[in-house]
Amino acid sequence: MPDDSKRKQRAPVRKGGRPRLDFQEHLADLESQGLLVRVERPINKDTELHPLVRWQFLGGIPEGERRAFLFTNVVDARGRRYDMPVAVGALASSPQIYAVGMGKAVEEIGATWMRAIANPIAPITVRSPACQQVVITGDALRKPGGGLARLPVPISTPGFDAAPYLTATLCVTRDPENGIQNMGTYRAGLKATDRLGVRMVARVGGAGLEGDPRAERKPRGP
């Protein structure tokens, strides 16, 4: 196979120069540009899913030829079948995938990030956020197979990881005594239908809020 990674890195990004705000639209963009592999046969999330994706990083495939994967028929080691797909590598498996997500050409990504960091956007309060279209609470959250167990969370490294891990979990925490709020992305282990194990490293700019003159102590987690 010819090495056309440079050509693929410069493949046209979506017109408009803005990132998609909907992940399903982003996946459609990747698929339309040949950057996504759709796998429809049953795949075991506990033993097969991540190893299949990892092959392209360990098997000598040029960076520009790596793809995102969408598994539409996910099962687990006990035979449970899940009613939702799993996408892996859809944000940064290759420079071109990253560029599609950013809505910018590869060579413009660095400058785009620097402008974004220098010009933060103030948050906007909304009444009906998309992330709360499905809300599970109480007994429905704790019943066997319910709550977080409804999610087809893969085991990243079979034989080594002690639990399935969500690798981009957005956590919002607030110190119960001083009210200081923090937000971060953490690797979260699935421990129960209503519980995740999260390791928050206390460092400058991290979950501990050290360096903030308002912070008298570290937050105690979620």
Protein backbone atom coordinates (compact mmCIF):
# COMPACT_ATOMS: atom_id res chain seq x y z
CA MET A 1 0.00 0.00 0.00
CA PRO A 2 1.52 3.39 -0.96
CA ASP A 3 2.32 5.78 1.86
CA ASP A 4 -0.06 8.64 1.15
CA SER A 5 -0.20 9.94 4.72
CA LYS A 6 0.82 13.46 3.70
CA ARG A 7 -1.97 13.60 1.13
CA LYS A 8 -4.51 12.40 3.68
CA GLN A 9 -3.38 14.94 6.26
CA ARG A 10 -4.19 17.65 3.74
CA ALA A 11 -7.53 16.17 2.69
CA PRO A 12 -10.29 18.82 2.68
CA VAL A 13 -11.84 19.53 6.05
CA ARG A 14 -15.52 20.34 6.32
CA LYS A 15 -16.44 23.73 4.88
CA GLY A 16 -17.26 26.48 7.34
CA GLY A 17 -14.13 26.31 9.47
CA ARG A 18 -16.02 25.47 12.66
CA PRO A 19 -16.08 22.23 14.64
CA ARG A 20 -19.20 20.14 14.86
CA LEU A 21 -21.17 20.56 18.06
CA ASP A 22 -22.87 17.18 17.61
CA PHE A 23 -20.75 14.01 17.90
CA GLN A 24 -23.00 12.05 15.54
CA GLU A 25 -22.41 14.67 12.84
CA HIS A 26 -18.67 14.44 13.50
CA LEU A 27 -18.77 10.65 12.99
CA ALA A 28 -20.69 11.18 9.74
CA ASP A 29 -17.99 13.61 8.57
CA LEU A 30 -15.27 11.06 9.33
CA GLU A 31 -17.13 8.30 7.51
CA SER A 32 -17.76 10.47 4.44
CA GLN A 33 -14.00 11.14 4.19
CA GLY A 34 -13.03 7.48 4.62
CA LEU A 35 -11.60 8.08 8.09
CA LEU A 36 -13.92 5.74 10.00
CA VAL A 37 -14.19 1.93 10.01
CA ARG A 38 -17.65 0.62 10.87
CA VAL A 39 -17.64 -2.85 12.48
CA GLU A 40 -21.07 -4.50 12.54
CA ARG A 41 -20.28 -8.06 13.68
CA PRO A 42 -20.44 -8.83 17.44
CA ILE A 43 -17.38 -7.52 19.31
CA ASN A 44 -16.63 -8.34 22.95
CA LYS A 45 -15.93 -5.07 24.76
CA ASP A 46 -14.05 -6.90 27.53
CA THR A 47 -11.54 -8.80 25.38
CA GLU A 48 -11.59 -7.64 21.73
CA LEU A 49 -12.63 -4.05 21.26
CA HIS A 50 -9.60 -2.04 22.37
CA PRO A 51 -7.03 -4.61 21.19
CA LEU A 52 -8.52 -4.38 17.66
CA VAL A 53 -8.10 -0.60 17.63
CA ARG A 54 -4.65 -0.75 19.23
CA TRP A 55 -3.25 -2.85 16.37
CA GLN A 56 -3.06 0.20 14.12
CA PHE A 57 -0.80 1.96 16.64
CA LEU A 58 1.49 -1.03 17.20
CA GLY A 59 1.48 -2.68 13.79
CA GLY A 60 3.51 -0.20 11.79
CA ILE A 61 0.60 1.56 10.06
CA PRO A 62 1.64 5.11 9.05
CA GLU A 63 0.08 7.80 11.22
CA GLY A 64 -1.88 9.28 8.33
CA GLU A 65 -3.58 5.94 7.60
CA ARG A 66 -4.99 5.36 11.08
CA ARG A 67 -8.77 5.35 11.40
CA ALA A 68 -11.54 5.87 13.91
CA PHE A 69 -13.63 2.79 14.70
CA LEU A 70 -17.38 2.53 15.29
CA PHE A 71 -18.56 -0.76 16.80
CA THR A 72 -22.32 -1.13 16.35
CA ASN A 73 -22.83 -4.64 17.78
CA VAL A 74 -21.21 -4.64 21.24
CA VAL A 75 -21.40 -7.55 23.70
CA ASP A 76 -19.54 -8.40 26.91
CA ALA A 77 -17.80 -11.50 28.24
CA ARG A 78 -21.08 -12.75 29.76
CA GLY A 79 -22.98 -12.48 26.50
CA ARG A 80 -24.88 -9.29 27.28
CA ARG A 81 -25.75 -7.27 24.20
CA TYR A 82 -25.78 -3.47 24.48
CA ASP A 83 -28.22 -1.17 22.72
CA MET A 84 -25.68 1.55 21.91
CA PRO A 85 -22.53 1.65 19.75
CA VAL A 86 -18.97 2.40 20.88
CA ALA A 87 -16.70 4.85 19.04
CA VAL A 88 -12.93 4.65 19.59
CA GLY A 89 -10.21 6.91 18.19
CA ALA A 90 -12.71 9.37 16.74
CA LEU A 91 -10.99 12.48 18.06
CA ALA A 92 -7.25 12.13 17.48
CA SER A 93 -6.21 8.80 15.92
CA SER A 94 -4.51 10.74 13.14
CA PRO A 95 -3.78 14.39 12.33
CA GLN A 96 -6.58 14.41 9.75
CA ILE A 97 -9.15 13.06 12.22
CA TYR A 98 -8.08 15.80 14.63
CA ALA A 99 -8.40 18.37 11.85
CA VAL A 100 -11.94 17.26 10.99
CA GLY A 101 -12.93 17.64 14.64
CA MET A 102 -11.37 21.09 14.87
CA GLY A 103 -12.81 22.26 11.56
CA LYS A 104 -9.31 23.44 10.58
CA ALA A 105 -6.50 22.22 8.36
CA VAL A 106 -3.74 20.35 10.18
CA GLU A 107 -1.25 23.20 9.87
CA GLU A 108 -3.76 25.65 11.45
CA ILE A 109 -4.52 23.61 14.59
CA GLY A 110 -1.73 25.00 16.79
CA ALA A 111 -2.58 28.65 16.13
CA THR A 112 -6.29 27.90 16.59
CA TRP A 113 -5.64 26.44 20.04
CA MET A 114 -3.53 29.43 21.08
CA ARG A 115 -6.29 31.86 20.02
CA ALA A 116 -8.88 29.82 21.93
CA ILE A 117 -6.78 29.77 25.12
CA ALA A 118 -6.20 33.52 24.87
CA ASN A 119 -9.91 34.24 24.30
CA PRO A 120 -12.00 32.06 26.63
CA ILE A 121 -15.76 32.03 26.13
CA ALA A 122 -17.94 32.73 29.14
CA PRO A 123 -20.32 29.89 30.08
CA ILE A 124 -24.00 30.15 29.19
CA THR A 125 -26.75 28.75 31.43
CA VAL A 126 -29.33 26.64 29.59
CA ARG A 127 -32.53 25.02 30.88
CA SER A 128 -32.57 21.83 28.81
CA PRO A 129 -29.00 20.68 28.04
CA ALA A 130 -28.59 17.81 25.57
CA CYS A 131 -26.46 15.93 28.09
CA GLN A 132 -29.49 15.69 30.40
CA GLN A 133 -31.99 14.28 27.92
CA VAL A 134 -31.69 11.00 29.84
CA VAL A 135 -31.54 11.26 33.65
CA ILE A 136 -31.46 8.14 35.86
CA THR A 137 -31.85 8.44 39.63
CA GLY A 138 -32.83 6.48 42.74
CA ASP A 139 -33.61 2.77 42.52
CA ALA A 140 -33.33 2.81 38.71
CA LEU A 141 -29.68 3.84 39.10
CA ARG A 142 -28.86 1.04 41.54
CA LYS A 143 -30.73 -1.93 40.09
CA PRO A 144 -28.63 -4.82 38.67
CA GLY A 145 -27.54 -4.03 35.14
CA GLY A 146 -28.90 -0.49 35.42
CA GLY A 147 -27.34 2.92 35.87
CA LEU A 148 -23.75 3.11 34.68
CA ALA A 149 -23.80 -0.62 33.86
CA ARG A 150 -26.07 0.19 30.91
CA LEU A 151 -23.07 1.80 29.21
CA PRO A 152 -20.88 -0.54 27.10
CA VAL A 153 -17.67 0.64 28.78
CA PRO A 154 -14.69 -1.28 27.32
CA ILE A 155 -11.79 -2.80 29.21
CA SER A 156 -8.84 -0.84 27.83
CA THR A 157 -6.12 -3.43 28.53
CA PRO A 158 -7.59 -6.93 29.02
CA GLY A 159 -5.68 -8.91 31.64
CA PHE A 160 -4.28 -5.81 33.32
CA ASP A 161 -7.12 -3.37 34.07
CA ALA A 162 -9.14 -4.12 37.20
CA ALA A 163 -12.33 -2.65 35.74
CA PRO A 164 -13.82 -1.15 32.59
CA TYR A 165 -12.65 2.45 32.30
CA LEU A 166 -14.27 5.56 30.92
CA THR A 167 -11.29 7.45 29.53
CA ALA A 168 -12.76 10.94 29.06
CA THR A 169 -15.06 11.39 32.05
CA LEU A 170 -15.99 15.02 32.68
CA CYS A 171 -16.16 15.53 36.46
CA VAL A 172 -17.52 18.65 38.17
CA THR A 173 -16.53 18.91 41.84
CA ARG A 174 -17.25 21.43 44.57
CA ASP A 175 -15.53 21.74 47.95
CA PRO A 176 -18.29 21.23 50.56
CA GLU A 177 -16.70 23.77 52.93
CA ASN A 178 -15.48 26.66 50.81
CA GLY A 179 -17.68 26.16 47.74
CA ILE A 180 -14.82 26.33 45.22
CA GLN A 181 -15.78 24.47 42.04
CA ASN A 182 -13.47 22.59 39.70
CA MET A 183 -13.94 20.70 36.44
CA GLY A 184 -11.61 18.14 34.88
CA THR A 185 -11.38 15.10 32.63
CA TYR A 186 -10.32 11.89 34.38
CA ARG A 187 -9.98 8.16 33.75
CA ALA A 188 -12.84 6.65 35.74
CA GLY A 189 -13.14 2.97 36.66
CA LEU A 190 -16.64 1.46 36.70
CA LYS A 191 -17.07 0.10 40.26
CA ALA A 192 -20.85 -0.21 40.58
CA THR A 193 -24.03 0.86 38.82
CA ASP A 194 -23.88 4.15 40.74
CA ARG A 195 -20.16 4.58 41.41
CA LEU A 196 -16.95 5.39 39.53
CA GLY A 197 -13.44 5.31 40.95
CA VAL A 198 -11.56 8.50 39.98
CA ARG A 199 -7.94 9.37 40.79
CA MET A 200 -7.55 13.12 41.02
CA VAL A 201 -3.90 14.18 41.20
CA ALA A 202 -3.26 17.18 43.44
CA ARG A 203 -0.99 19.54 41.50
CA VAL A 204 -0.86 23.14 40.32
CA GLY A 205 -3.77 23.60 37.96
CA GLY A 206 -5.11 20.13 38.80
CA ALA A 207 -8.01 18.88 40.87
CA GLY A 208 -6.42 20.19 44.08
CA LEU A 209 -6.76 23.84 43.01
CA GLU A 210 -3.29 24.61 44.44
CA GLY A 211 -2.18 28.05 43.39
CA ASP A 212 -5.70 29.49 43.66
CA PRO A 213 -5.56 32.10 46.46
CA ARG A 214 -9.13 31.19 47.41
CA ALA A 215 -8.24 27.52 47.97
CA GLU A 216 -7.52 26.73 51.60
CA ARG A 217 -7.72 22.95 51.15
CA LYS A 218 -8.14 20.36 48.44
CA PRO A 219 -11.65 19.42 47.24
CA ARG A 220 -12.78 16.05 48.47
CA GLY A 221 -13.82 14.70 45.09
CA PRO A 222 -17.23 14.25 43.52
